[in-house]
Amino acid sequence: MKIKCPKCNDIAEMGDDFSFVKCSHCSLDMTYGEYVKYLTYKDARYSDVLGDYASTEGTTAGTLDDW
């Protein structure tokens, strides 16, 4: 799959199974998880994406009053 490289803004390749992101123009080579972190730290518009990956293990949803 073709995506925009977060480092050089050229065309990068992402694996169909989301296992890697590679850019032949700037030699970017990282996992998808590293790509998401890189993108969110580079562009503040994507900072809420990291919240989707936050661990909620051991917590409860709470009640409607908590919301």
PDB file of N, CA and C in Angstrom:
ATOM      1  N   MET A   1       0.854  -1.161   0.000  1.00  0.00           N
ATOM      2  CA  MET A   1       0.000   0.000   0.000  1.00  0.00           C
ATOM      3  C   MET A   1       0.907   1.233   0.000  1.00  0.00           C
ATOM      4  N   LYS A   2       0.563   2.206  -0.790  1.00  0.00           N
ATOM      5  CA  LYS A   2       1.313   3.455  -0.875  1.00  0.00           C
ATOM      6  C   LYS A   2       0.780   4.447   0.156  1.00  0.00           C
ATOM      7  N   ILE A   3       1.702   5.049   0.907  1.00  0.00           N
ATOM      8  CA  ILE A   3       1.340   6.072   1.892  1.00  0.00           C
ATOM      9  C   ILE A   3       2.334   7.222   1.786  1.00  0.00           C
ATOM     10  N   LYS A   4       2.039   8.310   2.445  1.00  0.00           N
ATOM     11  CA  LYS A   4       2.932   9.465   2.469  1.00  0.00           C
ATOM     12  C   LYS A   4       3.984   9.242   3.558  1.00  0.00           C
ATOM     13  N   CYS A   5       5.247   9.369   3.197  1.00  0.00           N
ATOM     14  CA  CYS A   5       6.330   9.193   4.157  1.00  0.00           C
ATOM     15  C   CYS A   5       6.307  10.343   5.165  1.00  0.00           C
ATOM     16  N   PRO A   6       6.308  10.030   6.457  1.00  0.00           N
ATOM     17  CA  PRO A   6       6.258  11.088   7.464  1.00  0.00           C
ATOM     18  C   PRO A   6       7.572  11.852   7.587  1.00  0.00           C
ATOM     19  N   LYS A   7       8.633  11.287   7.042  1.00  0.00           N
ATOM     20  CA  LYS A   7       9.952  11.906   7.174  1.00  0.00           C
ATOM     21  C   LYS A   7      10.257  12.862   6.020  1.00  0.00           C
ATOM     22  N   CYS A   8      10.004  12.410   4.770  1.00  0.00           N
ATOM     23  CA  CYS A   8      10.379  13.235   3.615  1.00  0.00           C
ATOM     24  C   CYS A   8       9.186  13.639   2.748  1.00  0.00           C
ATOM     25  N   ASN A   9       7.987  13.177   3.093  1.00  0.00           N
ATOM     26  CA  ASN A   9       6.748  13.475   2.366  1.00  0.00           C
ATOM     27  C   ASN A   9       6.699  12.881   0.965  1.00  0.00           C
ATOM     28  N   ASP A  10       7.609  11.975   0.630  1.00  0.00           N
ATOM     29  CA  ASP A  10       7.573  11.258  -0.638  1.00  0.00           C
ATOM     30  C   ASP A  10       6.649  10.052  -0.471  1.00  0.00           C
ATOM     31  N   ILE A  11       6.570   9.189  -1.455  1.00  0.00           N
ATOM     32  CA  ILE A  11       5.722   8.008  -1.377  1.00  0.00           C
ATOM     33  C   ILE A  11       6.474   6.884  -0.674  1.00  0.00           C
ATOM     34  N   ALA A  12       5.849   6.314   0.345  1.00  0.00           N
ATOM     35  CA  ALA A  12       6.413   5.186   1.091  1.00  0.00           C
ATOM     36  C   ALA A  12       5.528   3.964   0.874  1.00  0.00           C
ATOM     37  N   GLU A  13       6.044   2.818   1.215  1.00  0.00           N
ATOM     38  CA  GLU A  13       5.316   1.560   1.076  1.00  0.00           C
ATOM     39  C   GLU A  13       5.006   1.003   2.449  1.00  0.00           C
ATOM     40  N   MET A  14       3.730   0.655   2.680  1.00  0.00           N
ATOM     41  CA  MET A  14       3.341   0.003   3.917  1.00  0.00           C
ATOM     42  C   MET A  14       2.910  -1.413   3.582  1.00  0.00           C
ATOM     43  N   GLY A  15       3.380  -2.371   4.385  1.00  0.00           N
ATOM     44  CA  GLY A  15       3.035  -3.760   4.159  1.00  0.00           C
ATOM     45  C   GLY A  15       1.534  -3.992   4.238  1.00  0.00           C
ATOM     46  N   ASP A  16       1.026  -4.906   3.416  1.00  0.00           N
ATOM     47  CA  ASP A  16      -0.405  -5.204   3.413  1.00  0.00           C
ATOM     48  C   ASP A  16      -0.886  -5.689   4.769  1.00  0.00           C
ATOM     49  N   ASP A  17       0.027  -6.282   5.546  1.00  0.00           N
ATOM     50  CA  ASP A  17      -0.333  -6.758   6.881  1.00  0.00           C
ATOM     51  C   ASP A  17       0.049  -5.749   7.967  1.00  0.00           C
ATOM     52  N   PHE A  18       0.362  -4.512   7.572  1.00  0.00           N
ATOM     53  CA  PHE A  18       0.732  -3.422   8.488  1.00  0.00           C
ATOM     54  C   PHE A  18       1.965  -3.765   9.324  1.00  0.00           C
ATOM     55  N   SER A  19       2.869  -4.569   8.788  1.00  0.00           N
ATOM     56  CA  SER A  19       4.045  -4.980   9.555  1.00  0.00           C
ATOM     57  C   SER A  19       5.226  -4.032   9.383  1.00  0.00           C
ATOM     58  N   PHE A  20       5.247  -3.247   8.314  1.00  0.00           N
ATOM     59  CA  PHE A  20       6.388  -2.359   8.091  1.00  0.00           C
ATOM     60  C   PHE A  20       5.977  -1.126   7.300  1.00  0.00           C
ATOM     61  N   VAL A  21       6.825  -0.100   7.386  1.00  0.00           N
ATOM     62  CA  VAL A  21       6.708   1.094   6.553  1.00  0.00           C
ATOM     63  C   VAL A  21       8.108   1.387   6.050  1.00  0.00           C
ATOM     64  N   LYS A  22       8.270   1.465   4.718  1.00  0.00           N
ATOM     65  CA  LYS A  22       9.579   1.710   4.115  1.00  0.00           C
ATOM     66  C   LYS A  22       9.478   2.787   3.058  1.00  0.00           C
ATOM     67  N   CYS A  23      10.495   3.640   3.019  1.00  0.00           N
ATOM     68  CA  CYS A  23      10.590   4.683   2.002  1.00  0.00           C
ATOM     69  C   CYS A  23      11.951   4.550   1.325  1.00  0.00           C
ATOM     70  N   SER A  24      11.933   4.321   0.034  1.00  0.00           N
ATOM     71  CA  SER A  24      13.193   4.170  -0.690  1.00  0.00           C
ATOM     72  C   SER A  24      13.880   5.512  -0.929  1.00  0.00           C
ATOM     73  N   HIS A  25      13.136   6.594  -0.833  1.00  0.00           N
ATOM     74  CA  HIS A  25      13.710   7.918  -1.072  1.00  0.00           C
ATOM     75  C   HIS A  25      14.610   8.371   0.083  1.00  0.00           C
ATOM     76  N   CYS A  26      14.166   8.179   1.331  1.00  0.00           N
ATOM     77  CA  CYS A  26      14.941   8.653   2.490  1.00  0.00           C
ATOM     78  C   CYS A  26      15.433   7.509   3.376  1.00  0.00           C
ATOM     79  N   SER A  27      15.248   6.274   2.935  1.00  0.00           N
ATOM     80  CA  SER A  27      15.704   5.075   3.660  1.00  0.00           C
ATOM     81  C   SER A  27      14.963   4.846   4.979  1.00  0.00           C
ATOM     82  N   LEU A  28      13.771   5.372   5.123  1.00  0.00           N
ATOM     83  CA  LEU A  28      12.949   5.110   6.299  1.00  0.00           C
ATOM     84  C   LEU A  28      12.587   3.627   6.302  1.00  0.00           C
ATOM     85  N   ASP A  29      12.731   2.977   7.433  1.00  0.00           N
ATOM     86  CA  ASP A  29      12.392   1.555   7.577  1.00  0.00           C
ATOM     87  C   ASP A  29      12.012   1.325   9.028  1.00  0.00           C
ATOM     88  N   MET A  30      10.714   1.148   9.294  1.00  0.00           N
ATOM     89  CA  MET A  30      10.246   0.972  10.671  1.00  0.00           C
ATOM     90  C   MET A  30       9.003   0.103  10.696  1.00  0.00           C
ATOM     91  N   THR A  31       8.646  -0.348  11.888  1.00  0.00           N
ATOM     92  CA  THR A  31       7.420  -1.106  12.064  1.00  0.00           C
ATOM     93  C   THR A  31       6.241  -0.144  12.029  1.00  0.00           C
ATOM     94  N   TYR A  32       5.044  -0.701  11.918  1.00  0.00           N
ATOM     95  CA  TYR A  32       3.860   0.143  11.896  1.00  0.00           C
ATOM     96  C   TYR A  32       3.673   0.885  13.220  1.00  0.00           C
ATOM     97  N   GLY A  33       3.965   0.214  14.332  1.00  0.00           N
ATOM     98  CA  GLY A  33       3.865   0.861  15.637  1.00  0.00           C
ATOM     99  C   GLY A  33       4.808   2.041  15.759  1.00  0.00           C
ATOM    100  N   GLU A  34       6.042   1.874  15.274  1.00  0.00           N
ATOM    101  CA  GLU A  34       7.004   2.975  15.284  1.00  0.00           C
ATOM    102  C   GLU A  34       6.532   4.103  14.377  1.00  0.00           C
ATOM    103  N   TYR A  35       5.918   3.746  13.250  1.00  0.00           N
ATOM    104  CA  TYR A  35       5.389   4.731  12.307  1.00  0.00           C
ATOM    105  C   TYR A  35       4.306   5.581  12.965  1.00  0.00           C
ATOM    106  N   VAL A  36       3.384   4.937  13.674  1.00  0.00           N
ATOM    107  CA  VAL A  36       2.300   5.664  14.352  1.00  0.00           C
ATOM    108  C   VAL A  36       2.881   6.622  15.384  1.00  0.00           C
ATOM    109  N   LYS A  37       3.842   6.157  16.186  1.00  0.00           N
ATOM    110  CA  LYS A  37       4.470   7.030  17.190  1.00  0.00           C
ATOM    111  C   LYS A  37       5.186   8.193  16.520  1.00  0.00           C
ATOM    112  N   TYR A  38       5.948   7.919  15.467  1.00  0.00           N
ATOM    113  CA  TYR A  38       6.684   8.965  14.752  1.00  0.00           C
ATOM    114  C   TYR A  38       5.712  10.011  14.217  1.00  0.00           C
ATOM    115  N   LEU A  39       4.639   9.547  13.594  1.00  0.00           N
ATOM    116  CA  LEU A  39       3.667  10.457  13.005  1.00  0.00           C
ATOM    117  C   LEU A  39       2.982  11.322  14.052  1.00  0.00           C
ATOM    118  N   THR A  40       2.616  10.728  15.178  1.00  0.00           N
ATOM    119  CA  THR A  40       1.913  11.498  16.202  1.00  0.00           C
ATOM    120  C   THR A  40       2.815  12.506  16.894  1.00  0.00           C
ATOM    121  N   TYR A  41       4.083  12.176  17.049  1.00  0.00           N
ATOM    122  CA  TYR A  41       5.004  13.138  17.663  1.00  0.00           C
ATOM    123  C   TYR A  41       5.396  14.238  16.689  1.00  0.00           C
ATOM    124  N   LYS A  42       5.384  13.938  15.397  1.00  0.00           N
ATOM    125  CA  LYS A  42       5.757  14.928  14.400  1.00  0.00           C
ATOM    126  C   LYS A  42       4.629  15.930  14.143  1.00  0.00           C
ATOM    127  N   ASP A  43       3.392  15.455  14.168  1.00  0.00           N
ATOM    128  CA  ASP A  43       2.251  16.293  13.825  1.00  0.00           C
ATOM    129  C   ASP A  43       1.217  16.242  14.952  1.00  0.00           C
ATOM    130  N   ALA A  44       1.024  17.339  15.629  1.00  0.00           N
ATOM    131  CA  ALA A  44       0.134  17.398  16.794  1.00  0.00           C
ATOM    132  C   ALA A  44      -1.309  17.066  16.450  1.00  0.00           C
ATOM    133  N   ARG A  45      -1.697  17.198  15.171  1.00  0.00           N
ATOM    134  CA  ARG A  45      -3.073  16.867  14.783  1.00  0.00           C
ATOM    135  C   ARG A  45      -3.392  15.395  15.032  1.00  0.00           C
ATOM    136  N   TYR A  46      -2.359  14.545  15.083  1.00  0.00           N
ATOM    137  CA  TYR A  46      -2.567  13.112  15.262  1.00  0.00           C
ATOM    138  C   TYR A  46      -2.306  12.652  16.690  1.00  0.00           C
ATOM    139  N   SER A  47      -2.122  13.559  17.620  1.00  0.00           N
ATOM    140  CA  SER A  47      -1.745  13.178  18.982  1.00  0.00           C
ATOM    141  C   SER A  47      -2.800  12.330  19.678  1.00  0.00           C
ATOM    142  N   ASP A  48      -4.069  12.480  19.323  1.00  0.00           N
ATOM    143  CA  ASP A  48      -5.107  11.675  19.955  1.00  0.00           C
ATOM    144  C   ASP A  48      -5.077  10.217  19.509  1.00  0.00           C
ATOM    145  N   VAL A  49      -4.348   9.897  18.451  1.00  0.00           N
ATOM    146  CA  VAL A  49      -4.235   8.516  17.976  1.00  0.00           C
ATOM    147  C   VAL A  49      -3.556   7.644  19.028  1.00  0.00           C
ATOM    148  N   LEU A  50      -2.564   8.183  19.719  1.00  0.00           N
ATOM    149  CA  LEU A  50      -1.878   7.393  20.739  1.00  0.00           C
ATOM    150  C   LEU A  50      -2.822   6.972  21.852  1.00  0.00           C
ATOM    151  N   GLY A  51      -3.834   7.752  22.128  1.00  0.00           N
ATOM    152  CA  GLY A  51      -4.815   7.394  23.142  1.00  0.00           C
ATOM    153  C   GLY A  51      -5.573   6.126  22.782  1.00  0.00           C
ATOM    154  N   ASP A  52      -5.712   5.857  21.488  1.00  0.00           N
ATOM    155  CA  ASP A  52      -6.386   4.639  21.037  1.00  0.00           C
ATOM    156  C   ASP A  52      -5.579   3.396  21.392  1.00  0.00           C
ATOM    157  N   TYR A  53      -4.274   3.551  21.580  1.00  0.00           N
ATOM    158  CA  TYR A  53      -3.407   2.422  21.879  1.00  0.00           C
ATOM    159  C   TYR A  53      -3.066   2.324  23.361  1.00  0.00           C
ATOM    160  N   ALA A  54      -3.619   3.217  24.175  1.00  0.00           N
ATOM    161  CA  ALA A  54      -3.331   3.212  25.610  1.00  0.00           C
ATOM    162  C   ALA A  54      -3.896   1.953  26.248  1.00  0.00           C
ATOM    163  N   SER A  55      -3.190   1.440  27.212  1.00  0.00           N
ATOM    164  CA  SER A  55      -3.634   0.233  27.900  1.00  0.00           C
ATOM    165  C   SER A  55      -4.736   0.570  28.886  1.00  0.00           C
ATOM    166  N   THR A  56      -5.790  -0.232  28.864  1.00  0.00           N
ATOM    167  CA  THR A  56      -6.885  -0.056  29.810  1.00  0.00           C
ATOM    168  C   THR A  56      -7.005  -1.294  30.693  1.00  0.00           C
ATOM    169  N   GLU A  57      -5.977  -2.081  30.706  1.00  0.00           N
ATOM    170  CA  GLU A  57      -5.982  -3.317  31.483  1.00  0.00           C
ATOM    171  C   GLU A  57      -6.142  -3.009  32.974  1.00  0.00           C
ATOM    172  N   GLY A  58      -7.052  -3.709  33.621  1.00  0.00           N
ATOM    173  CA  GLY A  58      -7.263  -3.534  35.049  1.00  0.00           C
ATOM    174  C   GLY A  58      -8.174  -2.379  35.407  1.00  0.00           C
ATOM    175  N   THR A  59      -8.759  -1.706  34.423  1.00  0.00           N
ATOM    176  CA  THR A  59      -9.654  -0.599  34.714  1.00  0.00           C
ATOM    177  C   THR A  59     -11.081  -0.997  34.335  1.00  0.00           C
ATOM    178  N   THR A  60     -12.035  -0.276  34.892  1.00  0.00           N
ATOM    179  CA  THR A  60     -13.437  -0.524  34.569  1.00  0.00           C
ATOM    180  C   THR A  60     -13.987   0.659  33.793  1.00  0.00           C
ATOM    181  N   ALA A  61     -15.089   0.454  33.140  1.00  0.00           N
ATOM    182  CA  ALA A  61     -15.696   1.504  32.333  1.00  0.00           C
ATOM    183  C   ALA A  61     -16.302   2.585  33.204  1.00  0.00           C
ATOM    184  N   GLY A  62     -16.642   2.279  34.445  1.00  0.00           N
ATOM    185  CA  GLY A  62     -17.271   3.275  35.316  1.00  0.00           C
ATOM    186  C   GLY A  62     -18.752   3.342  35.104  1.00  0.00           C
ATOM    187  N   THR A  63     -19.365   4.325  35.705  1.00  0.00           N
ATOM    188  CA  THR A  63     -20.811   4.512  35.596  1.00  0.00           C
ATOM    189  C   THR A  63     -21.080   5.750  34.757  1.00  0.00           C
ATOM    190  N   LEU A  64     -22.346   5.959  34.414  1.00  0.00           N
ATOM    191  CA  LEU A  64     -22.694   7.154  33.662  1.00  0.00           C
ATOM    192  C   LEU A  64     -22.393   8.412  34.468  1.00  0.00           C
ATOM    193  N   ASP A  65     -22.497   8.346  35.793  1.00  0.00           N
ATOM    194  CA  ASP A  65     -22.176   9.502  36.628  1.00  0.00           C
ATOM    195  C   ASP A  65     -20.702   9.877  36.519  1.00  0.00           C
ATOM    196  N   ASP A  66     -19.830   8.870  36.332  1.00  0.00           N
ATOM    197  CA  ASP A  66     -18.403   9.139  36.172  1.00  0.00           C
ATOM    198  C   ASP A  66     -18.116   9.870  34.870  1.00  0.00           C
ATOM    199  N   TRP A  67     -18.921   9.612  33.857  1.00  0.00           N
ATOM    200  CA  TRP A  67     -18.700  10.237  32.560  1.00  0.00           C
ATOM    201  C   TRP A  67     -19.122  11.674  32.639  1.00  0.00           C
TER     202      TRP A  67
END
